[in-house]
Protein backbone atom coordinates (compact mmCIF):
# COMPACT_ATOMS: atom_id res chain seq x y z
CA UNK A 1 -9.80 -6.48 10.30
CA UNK A 2 -8.95 -10.00 9.18
CA UNK A 3 -7.90 -11.01 5.70
CA UNK A 4 -5.59 -13.59 4.15
CA UNK A 5 -2.02 -12.74 5.15
CA UNK A 6 0.87 -13.08 2.73
CA UNK A 7 2.05 -11.68 -0.57
CA UNK A 8 -1.01 -11.13 -2.76
CA UNK A 9 0.01 -11.57 -6.37
CA UNK A 10 -1.62 -11.68 -9.77
CA UNK A 11 -1.33 -14.98 -11.61
CA UNK A 12 -2.62 -15.83 -15.05
CA UNK A 13 -3.37 -12.10 -15.61
CA UNK A 14 -6.71 -12.06 -13.78
CA UNK A 15 -6.36 -14.28 -10.70
CA UNK A 16 -5.18 -13.06 -7.30
CA UNK A 17 -3.54 -15.65 -5.08
CA UNK A 18 -1.53 -15.99 -1.90
CA UNK A 19 0.56 -19.08 -2.33
CA UNK A 20 -1.92 -21.81 -3.24
CA UNK A 21 -4.91 -19.89 -1.84
CA UNK A 22 -7.23 -18.13 -4.30
CA UNK A 23 -8.26 -14.63 -3.26
CA UNK A 24 -10.16 -13.50 -6.35
CA UNK A 25 -10.69 -14.21 -10.00
CA UNK A 26 -11.64 -11.17 -12.10
CA UNK A 27 -13.95 -11.78 -15.03
CA UNK A 28 -16.21 -9.68 -17.19
CA UNK A 29 -15.75 -6.05 -18.23
CA UNK A 30 -13.21 -7.10 -20.85
CA UNK A 31 -9.69 -8.46 -20.51
CA UNK A 32 -8.00 -5.09 -19.87
CA UNK A 33 -10.42 -4.18 -17.06
CA UNK A 34 -10.22 -7.67 -15.54
CA UNK A 35 -6.41 -7.46 -15.44
CA UNK A 36 -6.51 -3.95 -13.94
CA UNK A 37 -9.04 -5.11 -11.32
CA UNK A 38 -6.79 -8.05 -10.40
CA UNK A 39 -3.80 -5.74 -9.86
CA UNK A 40 -5.89 -3.39 -7.74
CA UNK A 41 -7.16 -6.27 -5.59
CA UNK A 42 -3.64 -7.70 -5.23
CA UNK A 43 -2.39 -4.33 -3.98
CA UNK A 44 -5.18 -3.93 -1.41
CA UNK A 45 -3.20 -5.12 1.67
CA UNK A 46 -0.24 -2.89 0.77
CA UNK A 47 -2.49 0.09 0.06
CA UNK A 48 -4.20 -0.39 3.42
CA UNK A 49 -0.87 -0.75 5.22
CA UNK A 50 0.62 2.33 3.49
CA UNK A 51 -2.45 4.41 4.36
CA UNK A 52 -2.41 3.30 7.99
CA UNK A 53 1.33 3.93 8.37
CA UNK A 54 1.14 7.25 6.52
CA UNK A 55 -1.71 8.45 8.71
CA UNK A 56 0.20 7.40 11.82
CA UNK A 57 3.33 9.23 10.65
CA UNK A 58 1.34 12.39 9.89
CA UNK A 59 -0.13 12.27 13.39
CA UNK A 60 3.32 11.75 14.91
CA UNK A 61 4.75 14.63 12.90
CA UNK A 62 1.87 16.85 13.89
CA UNK A 63 2.61 16.16 17.56
CA UNK A 64 6.43 16.12 17.29
CA UNK A 65 6.91 19.22 19.43
CA UNK A 66 8.67 17.08 22.02
CA UNK A 67 11.32 15.69 19.65
CA UNK A 68 15.04 16.51 19.83
CA UNK A 69 15.16 18.23 16.42
CA UNK A 70 16.58 21.75 16.16
CA UNK A 71 13.97 24.52 16.45
CA UNK A 72 14.30 25.43 12.76
CA UNK A 73 12.95 22.11 11.53
CA UNK A 74 11.65 18.70 12.42
CA UNK A 75 14.14 16.47 10.61
CA UNK A 76 12.73 13.32 12.24
CA UNK A 77 9.30 14.09 10.80
CA UNK A 78 10.72 14.66 7.32
CA UNK A 79 12.45 11.29 7.35
CA UNK A 80 9.27 9.51 8.45
CA UNK A 81 7.22 11.42 5.88
CA UNK A 82 9.62 10.46 3.07
CA UNK A 83 9.32 6.79 4.05
CA UNK A 84 5.54 7.06 4.10
CA UNK A 85 5.59 8.66 0.65
CA UNK A 86 7.75 5.82 -0.67
CA UNK A 87 5.40 3.20 0.84
CA UNK A 88 2.37 4.82 -0.78
CA UNK A 89 4.14 5.15 -4.14
CA UNK A 90 5.11 1.46 -4.11
CA UNK A 91 1.57 0.38 -3.23
CA UNK A 92 0.11 2.56 -6.00
CA UNK A 93 2.60 1.14 -8.52
CA UNK A 94 1.54 -2.40 -7.56
CA UNK A 95 -2.12 -1.42 -7.91
CA UNK A 96 -1.32 -0.21 -11.42
CA UNK A 97 0.37 -3.52 -12.27
CA UNK A 98 3.91 -2.12 -12.39
């Protein structure tokens, strides 16, 4: 999948840009919806990345029988899962405009 690389950010409340490149301009549906749409669009690359990484970590944890963790628990999987949770939480916060 190809898309404009870089830090997608909301400018002027309803415009999504990467540097000087325009990604989207949200209009219609009222100011509040347009601003929310802009934040959701700006978070899209991070949401995609967090989902891909989280899915990969879940698959790794599922198949982590060959790790060096003690038999009573897969500590390595827990650490990776916590990082995935943090990545998803940060992407969701950006999508919400926080």
